[in-house]
Structure formats: structure tokens, C-alpha cells
N, C-alpha and C. Protein backbone atom coordinates (compact mmCIF):
# COMPACT_ATOMS: atom_id res chain seq x y z
N MET A 1 0.81 -1.23 0.13
CA MET A 1 -0.14 -0.25 0.14
C MET A 1 0.94 1.19 0.13
N GLU A 2 0.83 2.14 -1.14
CA GLU A 2 1.46 3.19 -1.00
C GLU A 2 1.29 4.39 -0.40
N ARG A 3 1.87 5.08 0.68
CA ARG A 3 1.49 6.02 1.44
C ARG A 3 1.01 7.37 0.72
N LYS A 4 0.42 8.44 1.13
CA LYS A 4 -0.02 9.70 0.50
C LYS A 4 0.87 10.50 0.99
N LYS A 5 1.47 11.42 -0.23
CA LYS A 5 2.26 12.40 -0.37
C LYS A 5 1.96 13.53 -0.35
N TYR A 6 2.32 14.15 0.75
CA TYR A 6 1.94 15.66 1.14
C TYR A 6 2.77 16.60 0.94
N SER A 7 2.54 17.63 0.41
CA SER A 7 3.39 18.95 -0.01
C SER A 7 3.90 19.51 0.98
N LYS A 8 5.30 19.76 1.30
CA LYS A 8 5.40 20.56 2.65
C LYS A 8 4.92 22.01 2.91
N ARG A 9 4.49 21.96 4.23
CA ARG A 9 4.06 22.76 4.67
C ARG A 9 5.16 23.85 5.53
N TYR A 10 4.74 24.80 5.49
CA TYR A 10 5.76 25.82 6.11
C TYR A 10 5.20 27.02 6.87
N CYS A 11 5.51 27.45 7.86
CA CYS A 11 4.78 27.98 9.00
C CYS A 11 5.09 29.58 8.54
N LYS A 12 3.71 30.15 8.22
CA LYS A 12 3.40 31.28 7.24
C LYS A 12 4.17 32.56 8.49
N TYR A 13 3.85 32.03 9.64
CA TYR A 13 4.58 33.48 10.80
C TYR A 13 6.04 33.50 10.78
N THR A 14 6.32 32.61 10.48
CA THR A 14 8.29 32.79 10.01
C THR A 14 8.42 33.09 8.66
N GLU A 15 7.64 32.96 7.63
CA GLU A 15 8.17 33.45 6.34
C GLU A 15 7.70 34.88 6.67
N ALA A 16 6.72 35.38 7.20
CA ALA A 16 6.05 36.87 7.00
C ALA A 16 6.45 37.73 8.37
N LYS A 17 7.73 36.91 8.52
CA LYS A 17 8.77 37.59 9.86
C LYS A 17 7.86 38.60 11.20
N ILE A 18 6.73 37.81 11.57
CA ILE A 18 5.42 38.49 12.67
C ILE A 18 6.60 38.33 13.89
N ASP A 19 6.49 39.38 14.42
CA ASP A 19 6.97 39.16 15.94
C ASP A 19 5.93 38.74 17.16
N PHE A 20 4.55 39.54 16.44
CA PHE A 20 3.45 38.85 17.85
C PHE A 20 2.19 38.70 16.95
N ILE A 21 1.73 37.84 17.44
CA ILE A 21 0.07 37.54 16.97
C ILE A 21 -0.68 38.28 18.39
N ASP A 22 -1.46 39.35 17.25
CA ASP A 22 -2.92 39.29 18.44
C ASP A 22 -3.57 38.79 18.66
N TYR A 23 -4.49 38.90 19.73
CA TYR A 23 -5.64 37.78 19.85
C TYR A 23 -6.66 39.01 19.21
N LYS A 24 -6.75 40.09 19.02
CA LYS A 24 -7.46 40.84 18.24
C LYS A 24 -8.05 40.90 17.06
N ASP A 25 -6.76 40.18 16.56
CA ASP A 25 -6.97 40.38 14.91
C ASP A 25 -7.47 38.78 14.38
N ILE A 26 -8.40 38.51 14.11
CA ILE A 26 -9.37 37.63 14.20
C ILE A 26 -9.29 36.78 12.60
N ASP A 27 -8.94 37.95 11.74
CA ASP A 27 -8.67 37.27 10.23
C ASP A 27 -7.26 36.39 10.23
N MET A 28 -6.27 36.60 11.05
CA MET A 28 -5.62 35.78 11.24
C MET A 28 -5.37 34.88 11.99
N LEU A 29 -6.17 34.30 12.73
CA LEU A 29 -6.40 33.49 13.84
C LEU A 29 -7.09 32.35 13.17
N LYS A 30 -8.31 33.11 12.20
CA LYS A 30 -9.12 32.58 11.26
C LYS A 30 -8.51 31.23 10.45
N TYR A 31 -7.38 31.39 9.95
CA TYR A 31 -6.47 30.11 9.00
C TYR A 31 -6.43 29.24 10.27
N SER A 32 -6.06 29.46 11.69
CA SER A 32 -5.60 28.17 12.38
C SER A 32 -6.76 27.83 13.21
N LEU A 33 -7.73 27.51 12.71
CA LEU A 33 -9.41 27.42 13.21
C LEU A 33 -9.95 26.73 12.23
N SER A 34 -10.79 25.36 13.01
CA SER A 34 -11.35 24.47 11.53
C SER A 34 -12.70 25.06 11.40
N GLU A 35 -13.96 24.10 10.80
CA GLU A 35 -14.52 25.13 10.95
C GLU A 35 -15.66 24.70 11.84
N ARG A 36 -15.27 24.10 12.85
CA ARG A 36 -16.17 24.09 13.87
C ARG A 36 -14.87 24.89 14.92
N TYR A 37 -14.24 25.77 14.43
CA TYR A 37 -13.79 26.46 15.52
C TYR A 37 -13.04 25.66 16.33
N LYS A 38 -12.25 24.95 16.07
CA LYS A 38 -11.53 23.94 16.90
C LYS A 38 -9.80 24.59 16.49
N ILE A 39 -9.05 24.56 17.49
CA ILE A 39 -7.93 24.94 17.01
C ILE A 39 -7.06 23.55 16.03
N MET A 40 -6.47 23.78 15.06
CA MET A 40 -6.16 22.99 14.54
C MET A 40 -5.06 22.64 14.55
N PRO A 41 -4.35 21.37 14.31
CA PRO A 41 -2.73 20.79 15.21
C PRO A 41 -1.78 21.32 14.18
N ARG A 42 -0.45 21.17 14.53
CA ARG A 42 0.59 21.74 14.04
C ARG A 42 0.85 20.83 12.44
N ARG A 43 0.61 19.47 12.65
CA ARG A 43 0.66 18.93 11.00
C ARG A 43 -0.05 19.23 9.95
N LEU A 44 -1.35 20.05 10.75
CA LEU A 44 -2.15 20.10 9.77
C LEU A 44 -1.43 21.95 9.10
N THR A 45 -1.17 22.95 9.95
CA THR A 45 -0.99 24.23 9.59
C THR A 45 0.73 24.36 8.75
N GLY A 46 1.25 23.55 9.62
CA GLY A 46 2.77 23.16 9.20
C GLY A 46 3.21 24.48 9.77
N ASN A 47 2.54 25.05 11.07
CA ASN A 47 3.38 26.12 12.33
C ASN A 47 5.03 25.71 12.94
N THR A 48 5.63 25.93 13.18
CA THR A 48 6.34 25.67 13.86
C THR A 48 5.98 25.38 15.61
N LYS A 49 6.70 24.58 16.67
CA LYS A 49 6.26 24.71 17.69
C LYS A 49 5.84 26.16 18.61
N LYS A 50 7.14 26.87 17.93
CA LYS A 50 7.01 28.19 18.87
C LYS A 50 5.73 28.90 18.32
N TRP A 51 5.50 29.14 17.00
CA TRP A 51 4.21 29.68 16.59
C TRP A 51 2.89 29.19 17.04
N GLN A 52 3.25 27.90 16.90
CA GLN A 52 2.00 26.88 17.41
C GLN A 52 1.69 27.65 18.81
N GLU A 53 2.11 27.66 19.57
CA GLU A 53 2.05 27.39 21.13
C GLU A 53 1.26 29.55 21.24
N ARG A 54 1.87 30.28 20.20
CA ARG A 54 1.72 31.44 20.27
C ARG A 54 0.36 32.02 19.53
N VAL A 55 -0.01 31.09 18.70
CA VAL A 55 -1.43 31.07 18.26
C VAL A 55 -1.95 30.08 19.29
N GLU A 56 -1.87 29.55 20.03
CA GLU A 56 -3.21 28.89 20.71
C GLU A 56 -3.24 29.62 21.89
N ILE A 57 -1.96 30.17 22.76
CA ILE A 57 -2.25 31.10 23.64
C ILE A 57 -3.41 32.81 22.84
N ALA A 58 -3.16 32.86 21.87
CA ALA A 58 -4.02 34.20 20.92
C ALA A 58 -5.21 33.53 20.60
N ILE A 59 -5.45 32.57 20.43
CA ILE A 59 -6.97 32.08 20.15
C ILE A 59 -7.80 31.97 21.51
N LYS A 60 -6.82 31.44 22.42
CA LYS A 60 -7.51 31.05 23.81
C LYS A 60 -7.95 32.74 24.26
N ARG A 61 -7.56 33.69 24.88
CA ARG A 61 -7.45 35.03 24.70
C ARG A 61 -9.19 35.45 24.22
N ALA A 62 -8.81 35.43 22.66
CA ALA A 62 -9.77 35.78 22.15
C ALA A 62 -10.76 34.74 22.32
N ARG A 63 -11.39 34.10 22.31
CA ARG A 63 -12.06 32.97 23.35
C ARG A 63 -12.82 33.61 24.80
N HIS A 64 -11.71 33.81 25.60
CA HIS A 64 -12.04 34.59 26.65
C HIS A 64 -12.42 35.68 26.81
N MET A 65 -12.41 36.93 25.70
CA MET A 65 -13.15 37.73 25.96
C MET A 65 -14.15 37.81 24.25
N ALA A 66 -14.52 36.97 24.29
CA ALA A 66 -15.65 36.56 23.66
C ALA A 66 -15.57 37.33 22.29
N LEU A 67 -14.39 37.00 21.80
CA LEU A 67 -14.61 37.64 19.74
C LEU A 67 -14.57 35.84 18.99
N ILE A 68 -14.15 34.89 19.68
CA ILE A 68 -14.35 33.49 18.78
C ILE A 68 -15.21 32.78 20.05
N PRO A 69 -16.26 31.42 19.13
CA PRO A 69 -16.65 31.25 20.35
C PRO A 69 -15.98 29.50 20.80
N TYR A 70 -16.02 29.62 21.82
CA TYR A 70 -15.71 28.39 22.44
C TYR A 70 -16.28 26.81 21.21
N VAL A 71 -17.91 27.28 21.72
CA VAL A 71 -18.66 25.92 21.41
C VAL A 71 -19.31 26.49 19.51
N ILE A 72 -19.22 25.22 19.24
CA ILE A 72 -20.20 25.65 17.75
C ILE A 72 -21.02 24.57 17.93
N ASP A 73 -22.56 25.08 18.39
CA ASP A 73 -23.47 24.10 17.98
C ASP A 73 -24.21 22.99 17.19
N THR A 74 -23.80 22.14 16.85
CA THR A 74 -24.05 21.02 15.77
C THR A 74 -25.35 20.94 14.95
N LYS A 75 -26.07 21.05 15.72
CA LYS A 75 -27.32 21.00 15.70
C LYS A 75 -27.98 22.45 14.90
N ASN A 76 -27.77 23.26 15.09
CA ASN A 76 -28.00 24.36 15.37
C ASN A 76 -26.88 25.40 14.39
N VAL A 77 -26.42 24.69 13.83
CA VAL A 77 -24.99 25.49 12.35
C VAL A 77 -25.37 26.86 12.33
N VAL A 78 -24.77 27.29 12.37
CA VAL A 78 -24.61 29.25 11.94
C VAL A 78 -23.67 29.10 11.16
N GLU A 79 -23.83 29.55 9.97
CA GLU A 79 -22.82 29.90 8.72
C GLU A 79 -21.65 30.87 8.90
N ASN A 80 -22.21 32.08 9.47
CA ASN A 80 -20.48 32.60 10.13
C ASN A 80 -21.09 33.52 11.70
N PRO A 81 -20.29 32.67 12.51
CA PRO A 81 -20.80 33.48 14.31
C PRO A 81 -20.20 34.88 14.36
N PHE A 82 -19.33 35.49 13.11
CA PHE A 82 -18.76 36.53 13.47
C PHE A 82 -20.01 37.26 13.04
N LYS A 83 -20.85 37.01 12.33
CA LYS A 83 -21.82 38.02 11.58
C LYS A 83 -22.93 38.32 12.52
N ILE A 84 -23.28 39.57 13.20
CA ILE A 84 -24.35 40.26 13.94
C ILE A 84 -25.68 40.13 13.50
N GLY A 85 -26.33 39.61 14.40
CA GLY A 85 -28.04 39.40 13.24
C GLY A 85 -28.65 38.67 12.43
């Protein structure tokens, strides 16, 4: 059985030379969240260990400040929880 060959993933934070991840910048954090707003693992995002830890802290802070939802209800799926109304 042949193994699937995945393309090499690169850490976008290292490439962009970002020195700080702001928890208020939801558009940047969305790339590290799944469709149910779970934090994506490093093997899927390609982040380095250092940046993955910083992304996790930023997402947890944004959840605490109610900028990102903790749980998405699977029975009552909302298309975009960031849209008000």
C-alpha cells in the first residue's frame, strides 16, 4: 500500500517575519481554526512549535474576550458566527 504524499507545509508566521500575534486580529487567527472553530494541529497548519504555542494562546485569549466562540452547536449550525444579526 502506497502512502499519500503531502506537500511540505511552511510556517506562515516565520515566513512573514511576524514578531507578535494579536488576539484581536481574528482574520489571521481564522487560518488556525477548523470549520467548527477548533484549534488546528501543527501537522495540518505547518506552524513551528514556537508559533503554534503563540497561536493557541492568542486563540484562547480571543475566546475569553468572546471574540471567537468556544463551541459551535452541531444541531443549529450558523454560517458565520462573527456576523451579528
